[in-house]
C-alpha atoms as a PDB file:
ATOM      1  CA  UNK A   1      40.661  -6.831  22.142  1.00  0.00           C
ATOM      2  CA  UNK A   2      43.803  -5.032  21.026  1.00  0.00           C
ATOM      3  CA  UNK A   3      43.812  -1.257  21.360  1.00  0.00           C
ATOM      4  CA  UNK A   4      44.497   0.558  18.119  1.00  0.00           C
ATOM      5  CA  UNK A   5      45.607   4.108  17.480  1.00  0.00           C
ATOM      6  CA  UNK A   6      42.476   5.106  15.545  1.00  0.00           C
ATOM      7  CA  UNK A   7      40.287   7.993  16.631  1.00  0.00           C
ATOM      8  CA  UNK A   8      37.256   6.634  14.821  1.00  0.00           C
ATOM      9  CA  UNK A   9      35.972   4.087  12.329  1.00  0.00           C
ATOM     10  CA  UNK A  10      34.125   4.329   9.033  1.00  0.00           C
ATOM     11  CA  UNK A  11      31.896   1.294   8.562  1.00  0.00           C
ATOM     12  CA  UNK A  12      31.079   0.744   4.873  1.00  0.00           C
ATOM     13  CA  UNK A  13      28.173  -1.202   3.396  1.00  0.00           C
ATOM     14  CA  UNK A  14      27.962  -3.899   0.720  1.00  0.00           C
ATOM     15  CA  UNK A  15      30.148  -2.889  -2.250  1.00  0.00           C
ATOM     16  CA  UNK A  16      29.180  -5.645  -4.722  1.00  0.00           C
ATOM     17  CA  UNK A  17      31.773  -4.715  -7.313  1.00  0.00           C
ATOM     18  CA  UNK A  18      31.086  -0.961  -7.410  1.00  0.00           C
ATOM     19  CA  UNK A  19      34.771  -0.069  -7.280  1.00  0.00           C
ATOM     20  CA  UNK A  20      34.549   3.424  -8.756  1.00  0.00           C
ATOM     21  CA  UNK A  21      31.771   4.338  -6.343  1.00  0.00           C
ATOM     22  CA  UNK A  22      33.812   2.999  -3.442  1.00  0.00           C
ATOM     23  CA  UNK A  23      36.708   5.252  -4.411  1.00  0.00           C
ATOM     24  CA  UNK A  24      34.350   8.244  -4.475  1.00  0.00           C
ATOM     25  CA  UNK A  25      32.995   7.335  -1.037  1.00  0.00           C
ATOM     26  CA  UNK A  26      36.469   6.888   0.443  1.00  0.00           C
ATOM     27  CA  UNK A  27      37.506  10.281  -0.925  1.00  0.00           C
ATOM     28  CA  UNK A  28      34.379  11.843   0.556  1.00  0.00           C
ATOM     29  CA  UNK A  29      35.335  10.304   3.899  1.00  0.00           C
ATOM     30  CA  UNK A  30      38.792  11.883   3.707  1.00  0.00           C
ATOM     31  CA  UNK A  31      40.810   8.855   2.581  1.00  0.00           C
ATOM     32  CA  UNK A  32      43.529   9.331  -0.031  1.00  0.00           C
ATOM     33  CA  UNK A  33      45.876   7.023  -1.900  1.00  0.00           C
ATOM     34  CA  UNK A  34      49.298   6.722  -0.320  1.00  0.00           C
ATOM     35  CA  UNK A  35      51.699   4.123  -1.681  1.00  0.00           C
ATOM     36  CA  UNK A  36      48.803   2.656  -3.672  1.00  0.00           C
ATOM     37  CA  UNK A  37      46.514   2.192  -0.643  1.00  0.00           C
ATOM     38  CA  UNK A  38      43.568   4.333   0.463  1.00  0.00           C
ATOM     39  CA  UNK A  39      44.305   5.537   3.991  1.00  0.00           C
ATOM     40  CA  UNK A  40      43.044   8.016   6.551  1.00  0.00           C
ATOM     41  CA  UNK A  41      45.481   9.595   8.978  1.00  0.00           C
ATOM     42  CA  UNK A  42      43.282   9.106  12.044  1.00  0.00           C
ATOM     43  CA  UNK A  43      40.561   6.603  11.108  1.00  0.00           C
ATOM     44  CA  UNK A  44      40.135   3.020   9.916  1.00  0.00           C
ATOM     45  CA  UNK A  45      37.540   1.659   7.497  1.00  0.00           C
ATOM     46  CA  UNK A  46      35.551  -1.501   8.266  1.00  0.00           C
ATOM     47  CA  UNK A  47      33.771  -3.307   5.430  1.00  0.00           C
ATOM     48  CA  UNK A  48      30.665  -5.334   6.315  1.00  0.00           C
ATOM     49  CA  UNK A  49      31.299  -7.913   3.575  1.00  0.00           C
ATOM     50  CA  UNK A  50      29.779  -8.699   0.158  1.00  0.00           C
ATOM     51  CA  UNK A  51      32.449  -7.071  -1.986  1.00  0.00           C
ATOM     52  CA  UNK A  52      31.984  -9.778  -4.653  1.00  0.00           C
ATOM     53  CA  UNK A  53      29.168 -10.566  -7.142  1.00  0.00           C
ATOM     54  CA  UNK A  54      26.690  -8.553  -9.184  1.00  0.00           C
ATOM     55  CA  UNK A  55      28.632  -5.365  -9.959  1.00  0.00           C
ATOM     56  CA  UNK A  56      30.769  -4.209 -12.889  1.00  0.00           C
ATOM     57  CA  UNK A  57      34.226  -4.020 -11.227  1.00  0.00           C
ATOM     58  CA  UNK A  58      34.425  -6.912  -8.786  1.00  0.00           C
ATOM     59  CA  UNK A  59      38.100  -7.658  -9.299  1.00  0.00           C
ATOM     60  CA  UNK A  60      39.055  -3.989  -8.891  1.00  0.00           C
ATOM     61  CA  UNK A  61      36.919  -3.674  -5.745  1.00  0.00           C
ATOM     62  CA  UNK A  62      38.534  -6.752  -4.207  1.00  0.00           C
ATOM     63  CA  UNK A  63      42.023  -5.459  -4.925  1.00  0.00           C
ATOM     64  CA  UNK A  64      41.168  -2.083  -3.395  1.00  0.00           C
ATOM     65  CA  UNK A  65      39.704  -3.572  -0.202  1.00  0.00           C
ATOM     66  CA  UNK A  66      42.382  -6.265   0.085  1.00  0.00           C
ATOM     67  CA  UNK A  67      45.162  -3.688  -0.182  1.00  0.00           C
ATOM     68  CA  UNK A  68      43.525  -1.582   2.527  1.00  0.00           C
ATOM     69  CA  UNK A  69      43.134  -4.558   4.865  1.00  0.00           C
ATOM     70  CA  UNK A  70      46.643  -5.839   4.298  1.00  0.00           C
ATOM     71  CA  UNK A  71      47.991  -2.308   4.754  1.00  0.00           C
ATOM     72  CA  UNK A  72      46.195  -1.862   8.094  1.00  0.00           C
ATOM     73  CA  UNK A  73      43.898   0.854   6.732  1.00  0.00           C
ATOM     74  CA  UNK A  74      40.789  -1.333   6.937  1.00  0.00           C
ATOM     75  CA  UNK A  75      39.192  -4.467   8.303  1.00  0.00           C
ATOM     76  CA  UNK A  76      36.500  -6.612   6.699  1.00  0.00           C
ATOM     77  CA  UNK A  77      34.075  -9.243   7.953  1.00  0.00           C
ATOM     78  CA  UNK A  78      32.901 -12.109   5.785  1.00  0.00           C
ATOM     79  CA  UNK A  79      29.640 -11.611   3.914  1.00  0.00           C
ATOM     80  CA  UNK A  80      27.344 -14.319   2.620  1.00  0.00           C
ATOM     81  CA  UNK A  81      28.643 -13.759  -0.917  1.00  0.00           C
ATOM     82  CA  UNK A  82      32.252 -14.421   0.137  1.00  0.00           C
ATOM     83  CA  UNK A  83      31.003 -17.488   2.007  1.00  0.00           C
ATOM     84  CA  UNK A  84      28.997 -18.567  -1.054  1.00  0.00           C
ATOM     85  CA  UNK A  85      32.099 -18.242  -3.231  1.00  0.00           C
ATOM     86  CA  UNK A  86      34.029 -20.528  -0.878  1.00  0.00           C
ATOM     87  CA  UNK A  87      31.242 -23.100  -0.961  1.00  0.00           C
ATOM     88  CA  UNK A  88      30.868 -22.871  -4.732  1.00  0.00           C
ATOM     89  CA  UNK A  89      34.569 -23.556  -5.327  1.00  0.00           C
ATOM     90  CA  UNK A  90      35.266 -26.101  -2.554  1.00  0.00           C
ATOM     91  CA  UNK A  91      34.794 -29.783  -3.524  1.00  0.00           C
ATOM     92  CA  UNK A  92      32.423 -31.770  -1.360  1.00  0.00           C
ATOM     93  CA  UNK A  93      34.095 -34.272   0.978  1.00  0.00           C
ATOM     94  CA  UNK A  94      34.377 -37.892  -0.189  1.00  0.00           C
ATOM     95  CA  UNK A  95      31.143 -39.799   0.304  1.00  0.00           C
ATOM     96  CA  UNK A  96      29.038 -36.656   0.681  1.00  0.00           C
ATOM     97  CA  UNK A  97      27.392 -37.077  -2.696  1.00  0.00           C
ATOM     98  CA  UNK A  98      28.126 -33.418  -3.491  1.00  0.00           C
ATOM     99  CA  UNK A  99      30.555 -32.294  -6.177  1.00  0.00           C
ATOM    100  CA  UNK A 100      30.861 -28.937  -4.368  1.00  0.00           C
ATOM    101  CA  UNK A 101      29.748 -27.635  -0.995  1.00  0.00           C
ATOM    102  CA  UNK A 102      27.425 -25.162  -2.745  1.00  0.00           C
ATOM    103  CA  UNK A 103      25.434 -26.826  -5.497  1.00  0.00           C
ATOM    104  CA  UNK A 104      26.079 -25.606  -9.034  1.00  0.00           C
ATOM    105  CA  UNK A 105      22.403 -25.138  -9.855  1.00  0.00           C
ATOM    106  CA  UNK A 106      20.802 -22.500 -12.045  1.00  0.00           C
ATOM    107  CA  UNK A 107      20.256 -20.012  -9.227  1.00  0.00           C
ATOM    108  CA  UNK A 108      23.728 -20.333  -7.703  1.00  0.00           C
ATOM    109  CA  UNK A 109      25.353 -20.196 -11.130  1.00  0.00           C
ATOM    110  CA  UNK A 110      23.538 -16.943 -11.848  1.00  0.00           C
ATOM    111  CA  UNK A 111      24.516 -15.320  -8.543  1.00  0.00           C
ATOM    112  CA  UNK A 112      28.250 -15.870  -9.049  1.00  0.00           C
ATOM    113  CA  UNK A 113      28.303 -15.495 -12.843  1.00  0.00           C
ATOM    114  CA  UNK A 114      29.579 -11.888 -12.898  1.00  0.00           C
ATOM    115  CA  UNK A 115      32.416 -12.711 -10.531  1.00  0.00           C
ATOM    116  CA  UNK A 116      33.574 -15.773 -12.474  1.00  0.00           C
ATOM    117  CA  UNK A 117      33.349 -13.923 -15.777  1.00  0.00           C
ATOM    118  CA  UNK A 118      35.426 -10.984 -14.534  1.00  0.00           C
ATOM    119  CA  UNK A 119      38.097 -13.331 -13.163  1.00  0.00           C
ATOM    120  CA  UNK A 120      38.125 -15.644 -16.199  1.00  0.00           C
ATOM    121  CA  UNK A 121      41.450 -14.233 -17.390  1.00  0.00           C
ATOM    122  CA  UNK A 122      42.876 -13.885 -13.864  1.00  0.00           C
ATOM    123  CA  UNK A 123      42.680 -17.380 -12.312  1.00  0.00           C
ATOM    124  CA  UNK A 124      45.623 -16.788  -9.972  1.00  0.00           C
ATOM    125  CA  UNK A 125      43.981 -13.621  -8.666  1.00  0.00           C
ATOM    126  CA  UNK A 126      40.769 -15.539  -7.995  1.00  0.00           C
ATOM    127  CA  UNK A 127      42.551 -18.361  -6.161  1.00  0.00           C
ATOM    128  CA  UNK A 128      44.379 -15.780  -4.067  1.00  0.00           C
ATOM    129  CA  UNK A 129      41.158 -14.018  -3.079  1.00  0.00           C
ATOM    130  CA  UNK A 130      39.468 -17.317  -2.194  1.00  0.00           C
ATOM    131  CA  UNK A 131      42.379 -18.064   0.152  1.00  0.00           C
ATOM    132  CA  UNK A 132      41.985 -14.565   1.601  1.00  0.00           C
ATOM    133  CA  UNK A 133      38.261 -15.082   2.241  1.00  0.00           C
ATOM    134  CA  UNK A 134      39.212 -17.893   4.616  1.00  0.00           C
ATOM    135  CA  UNK A 135      41.158 -15.406   6.751  1.00  0.00           C
ATOM    136  CA  UNK A 136      38.256 -12.966   7.151  1.00  0.00           C
ATOM    137  CA  UNK A 137      36.660 -12.670  10.591  1.00  0.00           C
ATOM    138  CA  UNK A 138      32.993 -13.524  10.964  1.00  0.00           C
ATOM    139  CA  UNK A 139      32.438 -10.720  13.464  1.00  0.00           C
ATOM    140  CA  UNK A 140      34.294  -7.831  15.059  1.00  0.00           C
ATOM    141  CA  UNK A 141      34.048  -6.122  18.404  1.00  0.00           C
ATOM    142  CA  UNK A 142      36.074  -2.922  18.604  1.00  0.00           C
ATOM    143  CA  UNK A 143      36.237   0.076  20.906  1.00  0.00           C
ATOM    144  CA  UNK A 144      36.420   3.869  20.669  1.00  0.00           C
ATOM    145  CA  UNK A 145      37.374   5.453  23.958  1.00  0.00           C
ATOM    146  CA  UNK A 146      35.371   3.313  26.409  1.00  0.00           C
ATOM    147  CA  UNK A 147      32.478   2.497  24.076  1.00  0.00           C
ATOM    148  CA  UNK A 148      32.551  -0.861  22.307  1.00  0.00           C
ATOM    149  CA  UNK A 149      30.747  -1.532  19.035  1.00  0.00           C
ATOM    150  CA  UNK A 150      30.115  -4.605  16.891  1.00  0.00           C
ATOM    151  CA  UNK A 151      30.192  -5.469  13.202  1.00  0.00           C
ATOM    152  CA  UNK A 152      28.760  -8.576  11.534  1.00  0.00           C
ATOM    153  CA  UNK A 153      27.413  -9.045   8.034  1.00  0.00           C
ATOM    154  CA  UNK A 154      23.813 -10.028   8.826  1.00  0.00           C
ATOM    155  CA  UNK A 155      23.022 -10.838  12.449  1.00  0.00           C
ATOM    156  CA  UNK A 156      24.678 -10.776  15.869  1.00  0.00           C
ATOM    157  CA  UNK A 157      23.604 -13.954  17.648  1.00  0.00           C
ATOM    158  CA  UNK A 158      25.213 -13.668  21.064  1.00  0.00           C
ATOM    159  CA  UNK A 159      24.698 -17.330  21.998  1.00  0.00           C
ATOM    160  CA  UNK A 160      26.303 -18.673  18.821  1.00  0.00           C
ATOM    161  CA  UNK A 161      29.134 -16.153  18.968  1.00  0.00           C
ATOM    162  CA  UNK A 162      29.988 -16.872  22.590  1.00  0.00           C
ATOM    163  CA  UNK A 163      29.920 -20.621  21.952  1.00  0.00           C
ATOM    164  CA  UNK A 164      32.139 -20.105  18.914  1.00  0.00           C
ATOM    165  CA  UNK A 165      34.609 -18.081  20.976  1.00  0.00           C
ATOM    166  CA  UNK A 166      34.706 -20.774  23.664  1.00  0.00           C
ATOM    167  CA  UNK A 167      35.429 -23.502  21.116  1.00  0.00           C
ATOM    168  CA  UNK A 168      37.844 -21.690  18.837  1.00  0.00           C
ATOM    169  CA  UNK A 169      39.190 -18.656  20.764  1.00  0.00           C
ATOM    170  CA  UNK A 170      39.069 -16.638  17.535  1.00  0.00           C
ATOM    171  CA  UNK A 171      36.655 -14.899  15.205  1.00  0.00           C
ATOM    172  CA  UNK A 172      37.840 -16.604  12.005  1.00  0.00           C
ATOM    173  CA  UNK A 173      36.995 -19.856  10.259  1.00  0.00           C
ATOM    174  CA  UNK A 174      39.137 -22.390   8.445  1.00  0.00           C
ATOM    175  CA  UNK A 175      38.471 -24.710   5.511  1.00  0.00           C
ATOM    176  CA  UNK A 176      37.396 -27.576   7.780  1.00  0.00           C
ATOM    177  CA  UNK A 177      34.785 -25.348   9.414  1.00  0.00           C
ATOM    178  CA  UNK A 178      33.458 -24.255   6.008  1.00  0.00           C
ATOM    179  CA  UNK A 179      33.247 -27.896   4.911  1.00  0.00           C
ATOM    180  CA  UNK A 180      31.444 -28.807   8.147  1.00  0.00           C
ATOM    181  CA  UNK A 181      28.950 -25.997   7.523  1.00  0.00           C
ATOM    182  CA  UNK A 182      27.595 -27.944   4.529  1.00  0.00           C
ATOM    183  CA  UNK A 183      25.457 -29.735   7.126  1.00  0.00           C
ATOM    184  CA  UNK A 184      22.981 -26.945   7.820  1.00  0.00           C
ATOM    185  CA  UNK A 185      21.886 -28.310  11.206  1.00  0.00           C
ATOM    186  CA  UNK A 186      25.458 -28.594  12.481  1.00  0.00           C
ATOM    187  CA  UNK A 187      27.001 -25.961  14.718  1.00  0.00           C
ATOM    188  CA  UNK A 188      29.142 -24.764  11.801  1.00  0.00           C
ATOM    189  CA  UNK A 189      26.091 -24.600   9.555  1.00  0.00           C
ATOM    190  CA  UNK A 190      24.132 -22.602  12.128  1.00  0.00           C
ATOM    191  CA  UNK A 191      26.987 -20.136  12.669  1.00  0.00           C
ATOM    192  CA  UNK A 192      27.604 -19.457   8.994  1.00  0.00           C
ATOM    193  CA  UNK A 193      23.924 -19.192   8.120  1.00  0.00           C
ATOM    194  CA  UNK A 194      22.935 -16.965  11.042  1.00  0.00           C
ATOM    195  CA  UNK A 195      25.902 -14.552  10.973  1.00  0.00           C
ATOM    196  CA  UNK A 196      26.128 -14.141   7.195  1.00  0.00           C
ATOM    197  CA  UNK A 197      22.465 -14.552   6.181  1.00  0.00           C
ATOM    198  CA  UNK A 198      20.413 -13.526   9.216  1.00  0.00           C
ATOM    199  CA  UNK A 199      17.303 -14.987  10.793  1.00  0.00           C
ATOM    200  CA  UNK A 200      14.390 -16.644   9.065  1.00  0.00           C
ATOM    201  CA  UNK A 201      11.189 -18.511   9.869  1.00  0.00           C
ATOM    202  CA  UNK A 202       9.246 -21.298   8.191  1.00  0.00           C
ATOM    203  CA  UNK A 203       6.107 -20.062   6.437  1.00  0.00           C
ATOM    204  CA  UNK A 204       3.172 -20.937   8.735  1.00  0.00           C
ATOM    205  CA  UNK A 205       1.126 -23.957   7.732  1.00  0.00           C
ATOM    206  CA  UNK A 206       3.816 -25.289   5.422  1.00  0.00           C
ATOM    207  CA  UNK A 207       3.118 -22.609   2.825  1.00  0.00           C
ATOM    208  CA  UNK A 208       5.315 -21.852  -0.185  1.00  0.00           C
ATOM    209  CA  UNK A 209       6.230 -18.486  -1.692  1.00  0.00           C
ATOM    210  CA  UNK A 210       7.397 -17.929  -5.256  1.00  0.00           C
ATOM    211  CA  UNK A 211       9.989 -15.167  -5.526  1.00  0.00           C
ATOM    212  CA  UNK A 212      10.304 -12.859  -8.496  1.00  0.00           C
ATOM    213  CA  UNK A 213      13.282 -14.840  -9.759  1.00  0.00           C
ATOM    214  CA  UNK A 214      11.259 -18.063  -9.758  1.00  0.00           C
ATOM    215  CA  UNK A 215      12.762 -19.442  -6.545  1.00  0.00           C
ATOM    216  CA  UNK A 216      10.418 -21.371  -4.253  1.00  0.00           C
ATOM    217  CA  UNK A 217      10.687 -20.304  -0.629  1.00  0.00           C
ATOM    218  CA  UNK A 218       9.551 -22.305   2.385  1.00  0.00           C
ATOM    219  CA  UNK A 219      11.115 -19.773   4.769  1.00  0.00           C
ATOM    220  CA  UNK A 220      10.967 -15.997   4.962  1.00  0.00           C
ATOM    221  CA  UNK A 221      13.608 -13.604   6.280  1.00  0.00           C
ATOM    222  CA  UNK A 222      12.864 -11.972   9.636  1.00  0.00           C
ATOM    223  CA  UNK A 223      13.924  -8.805  11.464  1.00  0.00           C
ATOM    224  CA  UNK A 224      16.103  -9.603  14.464  1.00  0.00           C
ATOM    225  CA  UNK A 225      15.563  -5.960  15.434  1.00  0.00           C
ATOM    226  CA  UNK A 226      11.732  -6.096  15.519  1.00  0.00           C
ATOM    227  CA  UNK A 227      10.273  -4.660  18.713  1.00  0.00           C
ATOM    228  CA  UNK A 228       7.228  -6.447  20.163  1.00  0.00           C
ATOM    229  CA  UNK A 229       5.939  -7.826  16.832  1.00  0.00           C
ATOM    230  CA  UNK A 230       2.332  -9.036  16.873  1.00  0.00           C
ATOM    231  CA  UNK A 231       1.793 -10.439  13.377  1.00  0.00           C
ATOM    232  CA  UNK A 232       4.007 -12.158  10.822  1.00  0.00           C
ATOM    233  CA  UNK A 233       3.947  -8.937   8.804  1.00  0.00           C
ATOM    234  CA  UNK A 234       5.629  -7.145  11.726  1.00  0.00           C
ATOM    235  CA  UNK A 235       8.616  -9.474  11.625  1.00  0.00           C
ATOM    236  CA  UNK A 236       8.908 -10.260   7.891  1.00  0.00           C
ATOM    237  CA  UNK A 237      11.730  -8.558   6.019  1.00  0.00           C
ATOM    238  CA  UNK A 238      12.408  -9.463   2.405  1.00  0.00           C
ATOM    239  CA  UNK A 239      11.794  -8.222  -1.142  1.00  0.00           C
ATOM    240  CA  UNK A 240       8.979 -10.716  -1.784  1.00  0.00           C
ATOM    241  CA  UNK A 241       6.147  -9.913   0.650  1.00  0.00           C
ATOM    242  CA  UNK A 242       4.226 -12.558   2.514  1.00  0.00           C
ATOM    243  CA  UNK A 243       0.713 -13.275   1.209  1.00  0.00           C
ATOM    244  CA  UNK A 244      -1.771 -11.102   3.098  1.00  0.00           C
ATOM    245  CA  UNK A 245      -3.605 -14.059   4.631  1.00  0.00           C
ATOM    246  CA  UNK A 246      -0.347 -15.186   6.240  1.00  0.00           C
ATOM    247  CA  UNK A 247       1.118 -11.752   6.975  1.00  0.00           C
ATOM    248  CA  UNK A 248      -1.849 -10.681   9.106  1.00  0.00           C
ATOM    249  CA  UNK A 249      -1.916 -13.784  11.289  1.00  0.00           C
ATOM    250  CA  UNK A 250      -0.857 -13.340  14.921  1.00  0.00           C
ATOM    251  CA  UNK A 251       2.552 -14.878  15.551  1.00  0.00           C
ATOM    252  CA  UNK A 252       2.137 -18.278  17.166  1.00  0.00           C
ATOM    253  CA  UNK A 253       3.573 -18.874  20.607  1.00  0.00           C
ATOM    254  CA  UNK A 254       6.011 -21.421  19.186  1.00  0.00           C
ATOM    255  CA  UNK A 255       7.266 -19.031  16.502  1.00  0.00           C
ATOM    256  CA  UNK A 256       7.533 -16.134  18.955  1.00  0.00           C
ATOM    257  CA  UNK A 257       9.800 -18.261  21.143  1.00  0.00           C
ATOM    258  CA  UNK A 258      12.165 -18.682  18.180  1.00  0.00           C
ATOM    259  CA  UNK A 259      12.563 -14.957  17.491  1.00  0.00           C
ATOM    260  CA  UNK A 260      15.994 -13.474  18.117  1.00  0.00           C
ATOM    261  CA  UNK A 261      16.266  -9.963  19.515  1.00  0.00           C
ATOM    262  CA  UNK A 262      19.120  -7.514  20.015  1.00  0.00           C
ATOM    263  CA  UNK A 263      18.725  -5.698  23.305  1.00  0.00           C
ATOM    264  CA  UNK A 264      18.408  -1.934  23.578  1.00  0.00           C
ATOM    265  CA  UNK A 265      21.338  -1.808  26.020  1.00  0.00           C
ATOM    266  CA  UNK A 266      23.699  -3.812  23.816  1.00  0.00           C
ATOM    267  CA  UNK A 267      26.656  -2.023  22.158  1.00  0.00           C
ATOM    268  CA  UNK A 268      26.032  -0.319  18.797  1.00  0.00           C
ATOM    269  CA  UNK A 269      25.808  -2.895  16.009  1.00  0.00           C
ATOM    270  CA  UNK A 270      26.546  -2.418  12.307  1.00  0.00           C
ATOM    271  CA  UNK A 271      25.326  -4.842   9.630  1.00  0.00           C
ATOM    272  CA  UNK A 272      24.892  -4.946   5.852  1.00  0.00           C
ATOM    273  CA  UNK A 273      22.957  -7.512   3.802  1.00  0.00           C
ATOM    274  CA  UNK A 274      19.397  -6.135   3.859  1.00  0.00           C
ATOM    275  CA  UNK A 275      18.972  -3.998   0.692  1.00  0.00           C
ATOM    276  CA  UNK A 276      17.414  -0.954   2.341  1.00  0.00           C
ATOM    277  CA  UNK A 277      16.153   2.066   0.421  1.00  0.00           C
ATOM    278  CA  UNK A 278      15.564   5.733   1.150  1.00  0.00           C
ATOM    279  CA  UNK A 279      17.559   8.113   3.313  1.00  0.00           C
ATOM    280  CA  UNK A 280      20.016   6.235   5.559  1.00  0.00           C
ATOM    281  CA  UNK A 281      19.143   6.257   9.249  1.00  0.00           C
ATOM    282  CA  UNK A 282      19.491   3.883  12.217  1.00  0.00           C
ATOM    283  CA  UNK A 283      16.935   1.069  12.254  1.00  0.00           C
ATOM    284  CA  UNK A 284      17.159   1.105  16.058  1.00  0.00           C
ATOM    285  CA  UNK A 285      18.999   3.544  18.335  1.00  0.00           C
ATOM    286  CA  UNK A 286      21.831   1.004  18.598  1.00  0.00           C
ATOM    287  CA  UNK A 287      21.577  -0.756  15.186  1.00  0.00           C
ATOM    288  CA  UNK A 288      22.513   0.519  11.723  1.00  0.00           C
ATOM    289  CA  UNK A 289      22.246  -1.321   8.436  1.00  0.00           C
ATOM    290  CA  UNK A 290      24.637   0.019   5.807  1.00  0.00           C
ATOM    291  CA  UNK A 291      23.368  -1.863   2.739  1.00  0.00           C
ATOM    292  CA  UNK A 292      21.394   0.638   0.656  1.00  0.00           C
ATOM    293  CA  UNK A 293      21.356  -1.311  -2.617  1.00  0.00           C
ATOM    294  CA  UNK A 294      24.419   0.301  -4.199  1.00  0.00           C
ATOM    295  CA  UNK A 295      24.535  -2.168  -7.069  1.00  0.00           C
ATOM    296  CA  UNK A 296      20.824  -1.549  -7.801  1.00  0.00           C
ATOM    297  CA  UNK A 297      21.320   2.192  -8.408  1.00  0.00           C
ATOM    298  CA  UNK A 298      20.956   2.972  -4.706  1.00  0.00           C
ATOM    299  CA  UNK A 299      23.634   4.403  -2.401  1.00  0.00           C
ATOM    300  CA  UNK A 300      26.961   3.122  -1.165  1.00  0.00           C
ATOM    301  CA  UNK A 301      26.764   4.080   2.504  1.00  0.00           C
ATOM    302  CA  UNK A 302      29.175   4.503   5.405  1.00  0.00           C
ATOM    303  CA  UNK A 303      28.657   5.389   9.045  1.00  0.00           C
ATOM    304  CA  UNK A 304      31.308   7.551  10.765  1.00  0.00           C
ATOM    305  CA  UNK A 305      31.534   6.045  14.217  1.00  0.00           C
ATOM    306  CA  UNK A 306      33.178   8.071  16.980  1.00  0.00           C
ATOM    307  CA  UNK A 307      32.142   6.276  20.159  1.00  0.00           C
ATOM    308  CA  UNK A 308      28.518   7.337  20.566  1.00  0.00           C
ATOM    309  CA  UNK A 309      26.198   4.893  22.374  1.00  0.00           C
ATOM    310  CA  UNK A 310      23.146   6.110  20.432  1.00  0.00           C
ATOM    311  CA  UNK A 311      23.556   6.149  16.654  1.00  0.00           C
ATOM    312  CA  UNK A 312      22.774   9.353  14.773  1.00  0.00           C
ATOM    313  CA  UNK A 313      21.290  10.015  11.351  1.00  0.00           C
ATOM    314  CA  UNK A 314      23.793  12.804  10.639  1.00  0.00           C
ATOM    315  CA  UNK A 315      26.715  10.337  10.892  1.00  0.00           C
ATOM    316  CA  UNK A 316      25.744   8.531   7.655  1.00  0.00           C
ATOM    317  CA  UNK A 317      27.720   9.427   4.517  1.00  0.00           C
ATOM    318  CA  UNK A 318      26.901   8.119   1.050  1.00  0.00           C
ATOM    319  CA  UNK A 319      27.477   8.286  -2.678  1.00  0.00           C
ATOM    320  CA  UNK A 320      24.567   7.770  -5.070  1.00  0.00           C
ATOM    321  CA  UNK A 321      24.880   5.065  -7.711  1.00  0.00           C
ATOM    322  CA  UNK A 322      22.519   6.243 -10.444  1.00  0.00           C
ATOM    323  CA  UNK A 323      22.319   4.943 -14.029  1.00  0.00           C
ATOM    324  CA  UNK A 324      24.638   7.646 -15.489  1.00  0.00           C
ATOM    325  CA  UNK A 325      27.324   6.798 -12.932  1.00  0.00           C
ATOM    326  CA  UNK A 326      26.681   3.116 -13.551  1.00  0.00           C
ATOM    327  CA  UNK A 327      27.511   3.690 -17.194  1.00  0.00           C
ATOM    328  CA  UNK A 328      30.830   5.209 -16.102  1.00  0.00           C
ATOM    329  CA  UNK A 329      31.498   2.136 -13.953  1.00  0.00           C
ATOM    330  CA  UNK A 330      30.995  -0.207 -16.880  1.00  0.00           C
END
């Protein structure tokens, strides 16, 4: 870890193309434009990923964040939407039977549609950002004073991360690793899925859920921060709830053995990804999620980290994204 001359860090949640709102949040945090780049004199911003897709000003948001990162005013970890964009635009290897790493099906086409539309007249910009995505770290571990803290888009899996560090001595991927991750059971596939998408579990009894967008699910997303869960309801975490007859079942011994946990004595951890609602607060004393559904008229949220071992509710800062402001964005 390289020591940096920053007195603190501002970790910022999923932007999803809300560029105007991001500018408002940065200004609220004390950042100002200098030489075209938002900077703070004593602090650095860290973005948890998912700058692309869904929102009204994706290209502008990417330029803003890219300029900050390249200017040393910010860092950013890769989100699942940046990873998805790489897969969507990378041809499948010869003999794989796949035109692209990420299938161009109806659901995937819909998820990236806003991004592709907004870059339709800027193909060189888009190619440049795709190249940049390949340079983004998957995870960060930084330090303020003597207190370390961690940032990852969806889930800190210590075993996978340590194995990755042993094999690659870095926290970044390359194109070969992204191509290898097409095989979901491979090490590359496990790393990319776990760190950018989180943990999940097969629906007990081989059940199937139908999401509100018509997608059939055989797995449901789980809380890696759940404390002593007893039923599947205790560990489920997703917009589409489990059926009651499944949710109230006790967790089987086999499924309990698969659950990942983040220990109470581990360094503070910051994630995005999870579409929370309500007033921002830590989800555990040492875990904060910073995704509060900005692009769904929620809040674009930051946490002002200054080296505390126990995270505090009063350190969250946010800007509301309500329909009137959304109209201004468009």
